[in-house]
N, C-alpha and C. Protein backbone atom coordinates (compact mmCIF):
# COMPACT_ATOMS: atom_id res chain seq x y z
N UNK A 1 92.25 119.56 140.05
CA UNK A 1 93.60 119.04 140.30
C UNK A 1 93.75 117.57 139.19
N UNK A 2 92.22 116.83 139.07
CA UNK A 2 92.57 115.41 137.97
C UNK A 2 92.94 116.12 136.57
N UNK A 3 92.24 117.36 136.25
CA UNK A 3 92.52 117.74 134.85
C UNK A 3 94.06 118.27 134.72
N UNK A 4 94.74 118.52 135.76
CA UNK A 4 96.23 118.81 135.33
C UNK A 4 97.05 117.42 135.52
N UNK A 5 96.58 116.66 136.09
CA UNK A 5 97.29 115.13 135.98
C UNK A 5 97.21 114.62 134.74
N UNK A 6 95.98 114.73 133.96
CA UNK A 6 95.65 114.27 132.87
C UNK A 6 96.31 115.12 132.07
N UNK A 7 96.46 116.42 131.81
CA UNK A 7 97.40 117.20 130.90
C UNK A 7 98.67 116.96 130.89
N UNK A 8 99.39 116.46 132.02
CA UNK A 8 100.73 116.31 132.65
C UNK A 8 101.06 115.10 131.88
N UNK A 9 100.02 114.15 131.89
CA UNK A 9 100.03 112.63 131.27
C UNK A 9 100.19 112.90 129.89
N UNK A 10 99.17 113.56 129.06
CA UNK A 10 99.49 113.93 127.37
C UNK A 10 100.72 114.66 127.32
N UNK A 11 100.98 115.45 127.91
CA UNK A 11 102.49 116.18 127.54
C UNK A 11 103.43 115.06 127.37
N UNK A 12 103.60 114.57 128.58
CA UNK A 12 104.68 113.54 128.61
C UNK A 12 104.56 112.12 127.67
N UNK A 13 103.18 112.00 127.08
CA UNK A 13 103.07 111.22 125.82
C UNK A 13 103.50 111.89 124.76
N UNK A 14 103.29 112.92 124.73
CA UNK A 14 103.86 113.89 123.07
C UNK A 14 105.21 113.75 123.25
N UNK A 15 106.08 114.12 124.47
CA UNK A 15 107.29 114.33 124.58
C UNK A 15 107.81 112.81 124.44
N UNK A 16 107.31 111.83 124.76
CA UNK A 16 107.91 110.54 124.56
C UNK A 16 107.69 110.09 123.13
N UNK A 17 106.95 110.54 122.47
CA UNK A 17 106.49 109.96 121.08
C UNK A 17 107.68 110.65 120.04
N UNK A 18 107.93 112.14 120.56
CA UNK A 18 108.99 112.85 119.81
C UNK A 18 110.18 112.27 119.91
N UNK A 19 110.56 111.90 121.40
CA UNK A 19 111.94 111.01 121.47
C UNK A 19 111.80 109.83 120.88
N UNK A 20 110.78 109.06 120.63
CA UNK A 20 110.47 107.76 119.89
C UNK A 20 111.36 108.00 118.73
N UNK A 21 110.34 109.00 118.24
CA UNK A 21 110.72 109.27 116.57
C UNK A 21 112.07 109.57 116.40
N UNK A 22 112.81 110.33 117.31
CA UNK A 22 114.37 110.71 116.87
C UNK A 22 115.07 109.69 117.08
N UNK A 23 114.49 108.70 118.14
CA UNK A 23 115.42 107.42 118.20
C UNK A 23 115.52 106.44 116.93
N UNK A 24 114.13 106.28 116.39
CA UNK A 24 113.73 105.65 115.34
C UNK A 24 114.77 106.01 114.18
N UNK A 25 114.81 107.49 113.82
CA UNK A 25 115.42 108.34 112.76
C UNK A 25 116.97 107.63 113.43
N UNK A 26 117.64 107.51 114.32
CA UNK A 26 118.96 107.38 114.78
C UNK A 26 119.15 105.80 114.28
N UNK A 27 118.09 105.14 114.55
CA UNK A 27 118.58 103.70 114.42
C UNK A 27 118.41 103.58 112.90
N UNK A 28 117.43 104.35 111.91
CA UNK A 28 117.76 104.10 110.51
C UNK A 28 119.15 104.59 110.22
N UNK A 29 119.41 105.54 110.65
CA UNK A 29 120.73 106.33 110.09
C UNK A 29 121.64 104.95 110.69
N UNK A 30 121.63 104.70 111.57
CA UNK A 30 122.67 103.61 112.11
C UNK A 30 122.74 102.11 111.39
N UNK A 31 121.58 101.93 110.78
CA UNK A 31 121.28 100.54 110.37
C UNK A 31 122.30 100.04 109.29
N UNK A 32 122.91 98.88 109.50
CA UNK A 32 124.24 98.72 109.01
C UNK A 32 123.78 98.17 107.51
N UNK A 33 122.76 97.77 107.21
CA UNK A 33 122.46 97.11 105.81
C UNK A 33 120.79 97.30 105.81
N UNK A 34 120.47 97.08 104.48
CA UNK A 34 118.91 96.93 104.03
C UNK A 34 117.96 96.41 105.01
N UNK A 35 118.74 95.02 105.22
CA UNK A 35 118.14 93.88 106.07
C UNK A 35 117.49 94.80 107.50
N UNK A 36 118.53 95.40 107.82
CA UNK A 36 117.93 96.09 109.20
C UNK A 36 117.11 97.13 109.00
N UNK A 37 117.17 97.69 108.20
CA UNK A 37 116.41 98.79 107.92
C UNK A 37 114.72 98.52 107.62
N UNK A 38 114.90 97.22 106.67
CA UNK A 38 113.57 96.45 106.47
C UNK A 38 113.03 96.01 107.81
N UNK A 39 113.77 95.45 108.65
CA UNK A 39 113.06 95.15 110.00
C UNK A 39 112.46 96.17 110.58
N UNK A 40 113.45 97.19 110.64
CA UNK A 40 112.86 98.37 111.24
C UNK A 40 111.34 99.00 110.61
N UNK A 41 111.51 98.96 109.46
CA UNK A 41 110.09 99.48 108.68
C UNK A 41 108.94 98.52 108.79
N UNK A 42 109.49 97.34 109.17
CA UNK A 42 108.26 96.46 109.33
C UNK A 42 107.49 96.40 110.59
N UNK A 43 108.56 97.05 111.77
CA UNK A 43 108.18 97.27 113.08
C UNK A 43 107.21 98.50 112.93
N UNK A 44 107.49 99.43 112.23
CA UNK A 44 106.85 100.67 112.27
C UNK A 44 105.44 100.64 111.49
N UNK A 45 105.25 99.64 110.32
CA UNK A 45 104.26 99.25 110.02
C UNK A 45 103.09 98.49 110.88
N UNK A 46 103.79 97.72 111.82
CA UNK A 46 102.82 97.03 112.81
C UNK A 46 102.45 98.11 113.85
N UNK A 47 103.33 99.10 114.02
CA UNK A 47 102.52 99.90 115.18
C UNK A 47 101.79 101.05 114.30
N UNK A 48 101.82 101.24 113.11
CA UNK A 48 100.77 102.11 112.40
C UNK A 48 99.50 101.20 112.66
N UNK A 49 99.69 99.70 112.21
CA UNK A 49 98.30 98.92 112.28
C UNK A 49 97.57 99.07 113.60
N UNK A 50 98.67 98.95 114.83
CA UNK A 50 97.93 99.01 115.80
C UNK A 50 97.33 100.34 116.48
N UNK A 51 97.93 101.30 115.82
CA UNK A 51 97.19 102.53 116.43
C UNK A 51 95.94 102.43 115.63
N UNK A 52 96.20 102.25 114.28
CA UNK A 52 95.14 102.44 113.46
C UNK A 52 93.56 101.38 114.30
N UNK A 53 93.95 100.27 114.71
CA UNK A 53 92.82 99.61 115.75
C UNK A 53 92.66 100.13 116.47
N UNK A 54 93.31 100.89 117.49
CA UNK A 54 92.72 101.52 118.48
C UNK A 54 91.80 102.66 118.47
N UNK A 55 92.27 103.42 117.38
CA UNK A 55 91.35 104.42 116.86
C UNK A 55 90.03 103.86 116.50
N UNK A 56 90.16 102.93 115.54
CA UNK A 56 88.82 102.49 115.25
C UNK A 56 88.07 101.98 116.32
N UNK A 57 88.50 101.29 117.25
CA UNK A 57 87.98 100.78 118.50
C UNK A 57 87.46 102.02 119.37
N UNK A 58 88.13 103.18 119.30
CA UNK A 58 87.62 104.26 120.10
C UNK A 58 86.62 104.84 118.98
N UNK A 59 86.51 104.79 118.12
CA UNK A 59 85.43 105.64 117.25
C UNK A 59 84.11 105.06 117.31
N UNK A 60 84.40 103.61 117.50
CA UNK A 60 83.20 102.48 117.60
C UNK A 60 82.65 102.75 119.05
N UNK A 61 83.42 102.71 120.19
CA UNK A 61 83.10 102.88 121.21
C UNK A 61 81.98 104.00 121.66
N UNK A 62 81.84 105.06 121.03
CA UNK A 62 80.72 106.03 121.45
C UNK A 62 79.77 106.39 120.35
N UNK A 63 78.79 107.03 121.03
CA UNK A 63 77.70 107.48 119.85
C UNK A 63 77.59 108.93 119.88
N UNK A 64 78.22 109.46 120.69
CA UNK A 64 78.74 110.77 120.61
C UNK A 64 79.03 111.20 119.10
N UNK A 65 78.33 111.96 117.86
CA UNK A 65 79.33 112.29 117.05
C UNK A 65 80.58 113.20 117.06
N UNK A 66 80.16 114.12 118.02
CA UNK A 66 81.60 114.93 118.51
C UNK A 66 82.61 114.32 118.58
N UNK A 67 82.66 113.26 119.72
CA UNK A 67 83.70 112.37 120.20
C UNK A 67 83.89 111.77 118.61
N UNK A 68 83.40 110.98 118.05
CA UNK A 68 83.54 110.33 116.84
C UNK A 68 84.30 110.98 115.77
N UNK A 69 84.16 112.22 115.66
CA UNK A 69 84.53 113.08 114.91
C UNK A 69 85.95 113.85 114.93
N UNK A 70 85.96 113.59 116.55
CA UNK A 70 87.56 114.06 117.40
C UNK A 70 88.29 112.71 117.00
N UNK A 71 87.85 111.90 117.41
CA UNK A 71 88.57 110.48 117.10
C UNK A 71 89.17 110.44 115.63
N UNK A 72 88.57 110.49 114.48
CA UNK A 72 88.73 110.38 113.34
C UNK A 72 89.67 111.46 112.96
N UNK A 73 89.53 112.84 113.53
CA UNK A 73 90.48 114.02 113.57
C UNK A 73 91.87 113.32 114.08
N UNK A 74 92.13 112.82 115.12
CA UNK A 74 93.12 112.40 116.14
C UNK A 74 93.63 111.46 115.13
N UNK A 75 93.10 110.32 114.60
CA UNK A 75 93.69 109.30 114.19
C UNK A 75 94.35 109.66 112.92
N UNK A 76 93.62 110.74 112.04
CA UNK A 76 94.24 111.37 110.80
C UNK A 76 95.68 112.25 111.07
N UNK A 77 95.50 112.47 112.23
CA UNK A 77 96.85 113.38 112.78
C UNK A 77 97.79 112.53 112.89
N UNK A 78 97.85 111.46 113.88
CA UNK A 78 98.50 110.39 113.83
C UNK A 78 99.17 109.74 112.60
N UNK A 79 98.09 109.58 111.88
CA UNK A 79 98.67 108.91 110.57
C UNK A 79 99.69 109.83 110.10
N UNK A 80 99.33 110.92 109.76
CA UNK A 80 100.30 112.05 109.15
C UNK A 80 101.36 112.02 109.71
N UNK A 81 101.45 111.98 111.30
CA UNK A 81 102.78 112.18 111.88
C UNK A 81 103.76 110.85 111.27
N UNK A 82 102.93 109.76 111.55
CA UNK A 82 103.57 108.22 110.88
C UNK A 82 104.28 108.19 109.66
N UNK A 83 103.45 108.94 108.98
CA UNK A 83 103.74 108.88 107.69
C UNK A 83 104.69 110.07 107.17
N UNK A 84 104.77 111.25 107.87
CA UNK A 84 106.06 111.80 107.74
C UNK A 84 107.12 111.42 108.15
N UNK A 85 107.24 110.38 109.50
CA UNK A 85 108.07 109.93 109.61
C UNK A 85 108.65 108.87 108.97
N UNK A 86 107.63 108.27 108.30
CA UNK A 86 108.25 107.03 107.08
C UNK A 86 109.04 107.97 106.10
N UNK A 87 108.36 109.29 105.46
CA UNK A 87 108.97 110.05 104.59
C UNK A 87 110.61 110.14 104.77
N UNK A 88 110.61 110.71 105.93
CA UNK A 88 112.05 111.01 106.65
C UNK A 88 112.78 109.99 106.81
N UNK A 89 112.42 108.85 107.58
CA UNK A 89 113.36 107.70 107.35
C UNK A 89 113.52 106.85 106.09
N UNK A 90 112.47 107.21 105.26
CA UNK A 90 112.99 106.66 103.87
C UNK A 90 113.83 107.42 103.18
N UNK A 91 113.91 108.72 103.43
CA UNK A 91 115.20 109.66 102.81
C UNK A 91 116.34 109.24 103.30
N UNK A 92 116.25 108.68 104.76
CA UNK A 92 117.32 108.36 105.30
C UNK A 92 118.17 107.53 104.70
N UNK A 93 117.00 106.39 104.55
CA UNK A 93 117.68 104.91 103.98
C UNK A 93 118.14 105.22 102.48
N UNK A 94 117.21 105.85 101.90
CA UNK A 94 117.94 106.42 100.50
C UNK A 94 119.48 106.67 100.39
N UNK A 95 119.51 107.59 101.17
CA UNK A 95 121.18 108.27 101.60
C UNK A 95 122.05 107.06 101.95
N UNK A 96 121.79 106.49 102.83
CA UNK A 96 122.71 105.25 103.31
C UNK A 96 122.70 104.31 102.34
N UNK A 97 121.64 103.95 101.78
CA UNK A 97 122.19 102.92 100.10
C UNK A 97 122.82 103.42 99.40
N UNK A 98 122.65 104.74 98.96
CA UNK A 98 123.60 105.09 98.10
C UNK A 98 124.94 105.47 98.14
N UNK A 99 125.29 105.80 99.62
CA UNK A 99 126.40 105.85 100.33
C UNK A 99 127.02 104.34 100.12
N UNK A 100 126.24 103.61 100.65
CA UNK A 100 127.26 101.97 100.51
C UNK A 100 127.03 101.80 99.09
N UNK A 101 126.39 101.99 98.06
CA UNK A 101 126.48 101.76 96.87
C UNK A 101 127.72 102.28 96.18
N UNK A 102 128.20 103.58 96.72
CA UNK A 102 129.28 104.31 95.97
C UNK A 102 130.58 103.95 96.46
N UNK A 103 130.59 103.29 97.81
CA UNK A 103 131.55 102.73 98.45
C UNK A 103 132.24 101.18 97.82
N UNK A 104 131.19 100.60 97.00
CA UNK A 104 131.52 99.50 96.54
C UNK A 104 132.28 99.40 94.99
């Protein structure tokens, strides 16, 4: 029974992260100007730094080499997901900036 609760919690976390990424993309698309987009970029960078700190803490919290390796792998996966999100958002910003420049 406890394993099922843990699995449900991780499934919920995964769904929440995906929803958050979608909402962030939506905010980028709706950013009225470069200042708003830059503010969102700063927030995402802070999130990345906080996650990096968490993973480093987890890595140093155990002596088990398998757990340490799994923590590193998870951190890399998270970093890749954040990087891909940044690339997607960057593309959206570029499009928005081009549209704004074309209107002027």
